Amino acid sequence: MTGVLDSLVNGLALGSVYALIALGFVTIFKASGVLSFTHGSLLLLGGYLVAVLHDDLGFAGALALAIVVTALLAGALDRLLLQRIGTDSHAAHVQTIVTIGIDIVLVTDLARRIGGDLLSTGDPWGDAVTDMGPVTVADSRVAAIVVSGAAIAGAFALFRFTPWGLSLRAAAEDGRPPPSWAYGSPASAPSPGAWPADSPPSPRSSSSPSRPPVWNAPPARSPSRPSRPPSSAGWPPRSAPWSAPC
């Protein structure tokens, strides 16, 4: 029973890290439409920078600098390589192939630098363990579960409850950037009689979108009392007796 619980906790910690990596894959794909294979190599680069710099900057400083450097490198690769290819459907396949090449280059260079050494990241929990009843769990596993859960919850709240995140989700679903009046102030919304530039009125609609189309129907006749014909014509007719109203 103890072995089962130990495997369960370790599997949960490893699954939390994999879920965090999968969140990065999904975010990149929804934002750019490209399945980026550089995600793993960039993650390895961040870990390598933390392991190299933690003696001089400490764990927190090395982690912050590694995040900044990795983000700048990813942005430079996207700006200088991927965006120059294009944005159509065929360019997306080419961009995916390019990310495979970038991943091979980064992994090869990092493997050459690391070699056969076992690098330490200098994390504060180190080799410490925590006894949870009959199960002994490494503090690094607990930290992985807590950090991954906090990051995933923060990303969910960002894309679910903030205007910026909602606009990004709308742009990803629509396939194009939303117009400014879609998430701006109420004053920037189009007036009832004006259409936005990117949404022309339908040909079947009338000139005013606030009114339904009016068809050419005959004018309605108001009920009125029939006028009496001249006396020479004989009124009322004999075949249909009728008494005129008083």
Protein backbone atom coordinates (compact mmCIF):
# COMPACT_ATOMS: atom_id res chain seq x y z
CA MET A 1 0.00 0.00 0.00
CA THR A 2 2.85 2.39 0.80
CA GLY A 3 4.43 1.77 -2.59
CA VAL A 4 1.12 2.56 -4.32
CA LEU A 5 0.74 5.88 -2.48
CA ASP A 6 4.35 6.80 -3.18
CA SER A 7 3.91 6.09 -6.89
CA LEU A 8 0.65 8.07 -6.88
CA VAL A 9 2.24 11.19 -5.37
CA ASN A 10 5.27 11.01 -7.64
CA GLY A 11 3.04 10.50 -10.67
CA LEU A 12 0.92 13.48 -9.66
CA ALA A 13 4.01 15.66 -9.40
CA LEU A 14 5.33 14.54 -12.77
CA GLY A 15 1.90 14.96 -14.34
CA SER A 16 1.68 18.51 -13.00
CA VAL A 17 4.93 19.40 -14.76
CA TYR A 18 3.69 17.79 -17.99
CA ALA A 19 0.41 19.71 -17.68
CA LEU A 20 2.32 22.96 -17.35
CA ILE A 21 4.34 22.14 -20.48
CA ALA A 22 1.14 21.24 -22.34
CA LEU A 23 -0.34 24.59 -21.33
CA GLY A 24 2.60 26.30 -23.01
CA PHE A 25 2.09 24.25 -26.20
CA VAL A 26 -1.62 25.12 -26.32
CA THR A 27 -1.04 28.82 -25.64
CA ILE A 28 1.52 29.09 -28.43
CA PHE A 29 -0.66 27.17 -30.87
CA LYS A 30 -3.79 29.22 -30.15
CA ALA A 31 -1.89 32.48 -30.39
CA SER A 32 0.07 31.77 -33.59
CA GLY A 33 -1.51 28.71 -35.19
CA VAL A 34 1.91 27.00 -35.21
CA LEU A 35 2.74 23.77 -33.41
CA SER A 36 6.08 24.81 -31.94
CA PHE A 37 8.58 22.03 -31.30
CA THR A 38 11.02 24.47 -29.70
CA HIS A 39 9.10 24.41 -26.44
CA GLY A 40 11.09 21.57 -24.92
CA SER A 41 14.49 22.92 -25.95
CA LEU A 42 13.65 26.38 -24.60
CA LEU A 43 12.62 24.76 -21.32
CA LEU A 44 15.97 22.96 -21.24
CA LEU A 45 17.73 26.27 -21.92
CA GLY A 46 16.00 27.90 -18.96
CA GLY A 47 16.99 25.04 -16.66
CA TYR A 48 20.57 25.20 -17.91
CA LEU A 49 20.79 28.94 -17.23
CA VAL A 50 19.46 28.47 -13.70
CA ALA A 51 22.06 25.76 -13.04
CA VAL A 52 24.91 27.92 -14.36
CA LEU A 53 23.93 31.24 -12.75
CA HIS A 54 22.59 30.24 -9.33
CA ASP A 55 26.04 30.37 -7.67
CA ASP A 56 26.45 34.05 -8.57
CA LEU A 57 22.84 35.30 -8.49
CA GLY A 58 21.13 32.91 -6.15
CA PHE A 59 18.22 30.71 -7.09
CA ALA A 60 15.62 33.51 -7.35
CA GLY A 61 17.88 35.80 -9.37
CA ALA A 62 19.02 33.00 -11.69
CA LEU A 63 15.40 31.92 -12.21
CA ALA A 64 14.25 35.46 -13.05
CA LEU A 65 17.14 36.02 -15.47
CA ALA A 66 16.58 32.63 -17.12
CA ILE A 67 12.92 33.47 -17.70
CA VAL A 68 13.79 36.82 -19.27
CA VAL A 69 16.52 35.40 -21.51
CA THR A 70 14.36 32.49 -22.66
CA ALA A 71 11.42 34.78 -23.42
CA LEU A 72 13.66 37.18 -25.38
CA LEU A 73 15.15 34.33 -27.39
CA ALA A 74 11.70 32.91 -28.17
CA GLY A 75 10.47 36.34 -29.25
CA ALA A 76 13.53 36.90 -31.44
CA LEU A 77 13.09 33.51 -33.12
CA ASP A 78 9.45 34.28 -33.80
CA ARG A 79 10.17 37.78 -35.13
CA LEU A 80 13.24 37.00 -37.22
CA LEU A 81 12.35 33.56 -38.56
CA LEU A 82 8.73 32.50 -38.21
CA GLN A 83 6.97 35.75 -39.07
CA ARG A 84 9.07 36.21 -42.21
CA ILE A 85 7.64 33.03 -43.68
CA GLY A 86 4.05 34.26 -43.87
CA THR A 87 0.67 33.76 -42.25
CA ASP A 88 -1.33 31.62 -44.70
CA SER A 89 -2.22 27.95 -44.21
CA HIS A 90 0.81 26.67 -46.16
CA ALA A 91 3.17 28.90 -44.19
CA ALA A 92 1.99 27.31 -40.93
CA HIS A 93 3.37 23.94 -42.05
CA VAL A 94 6.67 25.53 -43.03
CA GLN A 95 6.86 27.30 -39.66
CA THR A 96 6.32 23.99 -37.86
CA ILE A 97 9.19 22.41 -39.80
CA VAL A 98 11.39 25.41 -38.97
CA THR A 99 10.68 24.93 -35.25
CA ILE A 100 11.89 21.34 -35.56
CA GLY A 101 15.19 22.61 -36.95
CA ILE A 102 15.52 25.20 -34.18
CA ASP A 103 14.85 22.51 -31.59
CA ILE A 104 17.58 20.27 -33.03
CA VAL A 105 20.10 23.11 -32.99
CA LEU A 106 19.32 24.14 -29.38
CA VAL A 107 19.30 20.59 -28.03
CA THR A 108 22.58 19.75 -29.78
CA ASP A 109 24.32 22.83 -28.43
CA LEU A 110 22.99 22.37 -24.88
CA ALA A 111 23.92 18.67 -24.88
CA ARG A 112 27.45 19.63 -25.91
CA ARG A 113 27.68 22.17 -23.09
CA ILE A 114 26.22 19.92 -20.38
CA GLY A 115 28.01 16.76 -21.42
CA GLY A 116 27.81 14.01 -18.85
CA ASP A 117 27.68 16.32 -15.82
CA LEU A 118 24.80 16.37 -13.36
CA LEU A 119 24.01 20.03 -12.84
CA SER A 120 22.27 21.31 -9.73
CA THR A 121 19.75 24.15 -10.00
CA GLY A 122 20.43 25.29 -6.43
CA ASP A 123 16.75 25.14 -5.46
CA PRO A 124 16.04 25.86 -1.77
CA TRP A 125 14.38 22.50 -1.07
CA GLY A 126 17.31 20.43 -2.34
CA ASP A 127 17.15 16.81 -1.22
CA ALA A 128 14.77 17.42 1.69
CA VAL A 129 11.83 15.07 2.16
CA THR A 130 8.52 15.32 3.97
CA ASP A 131 6.73 12.47 5.76
CA MET A 132 3.02 12.37 4.87
CA GLY A 133 1.82 9.52 7.02
CA PRO A 134 3.19 6.30 5.58
CA VAL A 135 4.49 8.08 2.46
CA THR A 136 7.78 9.96 2.22
CA VAL A 137 7.65 12.63 -0.47
CA ALA A 138 10.52 14.75 -1.73
CA ASP A 139 10.00 18.46 -1.24
CA SER A 140 10.86 19.03 -4.90
CA ARG A 141 7.79 16.96 -5.85
CA VAL A 142 5.59 19.00 -3.55
CA ALA A 143 7.01 22.22 -4.99
CA ALA A 144 6.31 20.96 -8.52
CA ILE A 145 2.67 20.27 -7.65
CA VAL A 146 2.16 23.64 -5.93
CA VAL A 147 3.93 25.74 -8.58
CA SER A 148 2.25 23.97 -11.50
CA GLY A 149 -1.18 24.26 -9.91
CA ALA A 150 -0.69 27.97 -9.19
CA ALA A 151 0.56 28.66 -12.74
CA ILE A 152 -2.32 26.78 -14.38
CA ALA A 153 -4.88 28.48 -12.14
CA GLY A 154 -3.34 31.89 -12.88
CA ALA A 155 -3.46 31.25 -16.65
CA PHE A 156 -7.08 30.12 -16.38
CA ALA A 157 -8.05 33.25 -14.45
CA LEU A 158 -6.15 35.44 -16.92
CA PHE A 159 -7.93 34.05 -19.99
CA ARG A 160 -11.31 33.73 -18.30
CA PHE A 161 -11.87 36.84 -16.20
CA THR A 162 -9.73 39.66 -17.65
CA PRO A 163 -10.65 41.80 -20.71
CA TRP A 164 -7.20 41.21 -22.18
CA GLY A 165 -7.52 37.45 -21.89
CA LEU A 166 -11.05 37.43 -23.29
CA SER A 167 -9.95 39.51 -26.30
CA LEU A 168 -7.12 37.05 -26.95
CA ARG A 169 -9.53 34.12 -26.80
CA ALA A 170 -11.92 35.89 -29.17
CA ALA A 171 -9.11 36.64 -31.62
CA ALA A 172 -7.95 33.01 -31.48
CA GLU A 173 -11.45 31.67 -32.14
CA ASP A 174 -12.18 34.15 -34.94
CA GLY A 175 -8.82 33.79 -36.61
CA ARG A 176 -8.23 37.55 -36.84
CA PRO A 177 -7.73 40.44 -34.40
CA PRO A 178 -11.07 41.74 -33.09
CA PRO A 179 -12.09 45.30 -33.98
CA SER A 180 -11.37 47.99 -31.45
CA TRP A 181 -15.04 48.62 -30.71
CA ALA A 182 -15.53 44.96 -29.72
CA TYR A 183 -13.81 45.33 -26.36
CA GLY A 184 -13.32 49.08 -26.02
CA SER A 185 -15.34 51.69 -24.17
CA PRO A 186 -19.09 52.07 -24.85
CA ALA A 187 -18.36 55.34 -26.64
CA SER A 188 -16.31 53.48 -29.26
CA ALA A 189 -19.18 51.19 -30.22
CA PRO A 190 -20.91 51.95 -33.54
CA SER A 191 -24.09 54.00 -33.50
CA PRO A 192 -27.39 52.26 -34.36
CA GLY A 193 -27.39 53.83 -37.83
CA ALA A 194 -23.74 53.15 -38.67
CA TRP A 195 -21.98 49.91 -39.49
CA PRO A 196 -18.37 49.17 -38.49
CA ALA A 197 -15.79 49.17 -41.23
CA ASP A 198 -15.22 45.42 -41.10
CA SER A 199 -18.89 44.44 -40.93
CA PRO A 200 -20.79 45.75 -44.01
CA PRO A 201 -24.57 45.41 -43.99
CA SER A 202 -26.18 42.51 -45.76
CA PRO A 203 -27.58 43.22 -49.26
CA ARG A 204 -31.03 42.14 -48.08
CA SER A 205 -31.12 44.56 -45.21
CA SER A 206 -32.65 48.01 -45.51
CA SER A 207 -30.72 51.25 -45.39
CA SER A 208 -31.26 51.53 -41.67
CA PRO A 209 -30.16 48.41 -39.73
CA SER A 210 -32.34 49.36 -36.76
CA ARG A 211 -35.55 48.86 -38.82
CA PRO A 212 -36.82 45.65 -40.41
CA PRO A 213 -37.13 45.65 -44.22
CA VAL A 214 -40.36 47.17 -45.53
CA TRP A 215 -41.91 45.41 -48.50
CA ASN A 216 -44.12 47.04 -51.14
CA ALA A 217 -47.46 46.12 -49.69
CA PRO A 218 -50.71 47.80 -50.78
CA PRO A 219 -51.82 50.60 -48.49
CA ALA A 220 -54.31 49.62 -45.88
CA ARG A 221 -57.82 51.03 -46.28
CA SER A 222 -59.46 52.49 -43.29
CA PRO A 223 -63.02 51.26 -42.73
CA SER A 224 -65.59 53.83 -43.78
CA ARG A 225 -69.26 53.95 -44.50
CA PRO A 226 -70.04 53.33 -48.17
CA SER A 227 -71.08 56.40 -50.06
CA ARG A 228 -74.62 56.47 -51.41
CA PRO A 229 -74.86 56.40 -55.23
CA PRO A 230 -77.13 58.79 -57.12
CA SER A 231 -80.84 58.21 -56.73
CA SER A 232 -81.20 57.38 -60.42
CA ALA A 233 -79.20 54.19 -60.00
CA GLY A 234 -81.59 52.84 -57.42
CA TRP A 235 -80.35 52.32 -53.95
CA PRO A 236 -80.39 49.86 -52.32
CA PRO A 237 -80.66 47.11 -54.97
CA ARG A 238 -83.87 45.16 -54.98
CA SER A 239 -82.18 41.76 -54.78
CA ALA A 240 -80.47 42.59 -51.52
CA PRO A 241 -82.67 44.59 -49.17
CA TRP A 242 -80.66 46.93 -47.12
CA SER A 243 -81.53 49.77 -44.88
CA ALA A 244 -79.20 52.72 -44.71
CA PRO A 245 -78.02 53.65 -41.26
CA CYS A 246 -79.62 56.55 -39.60
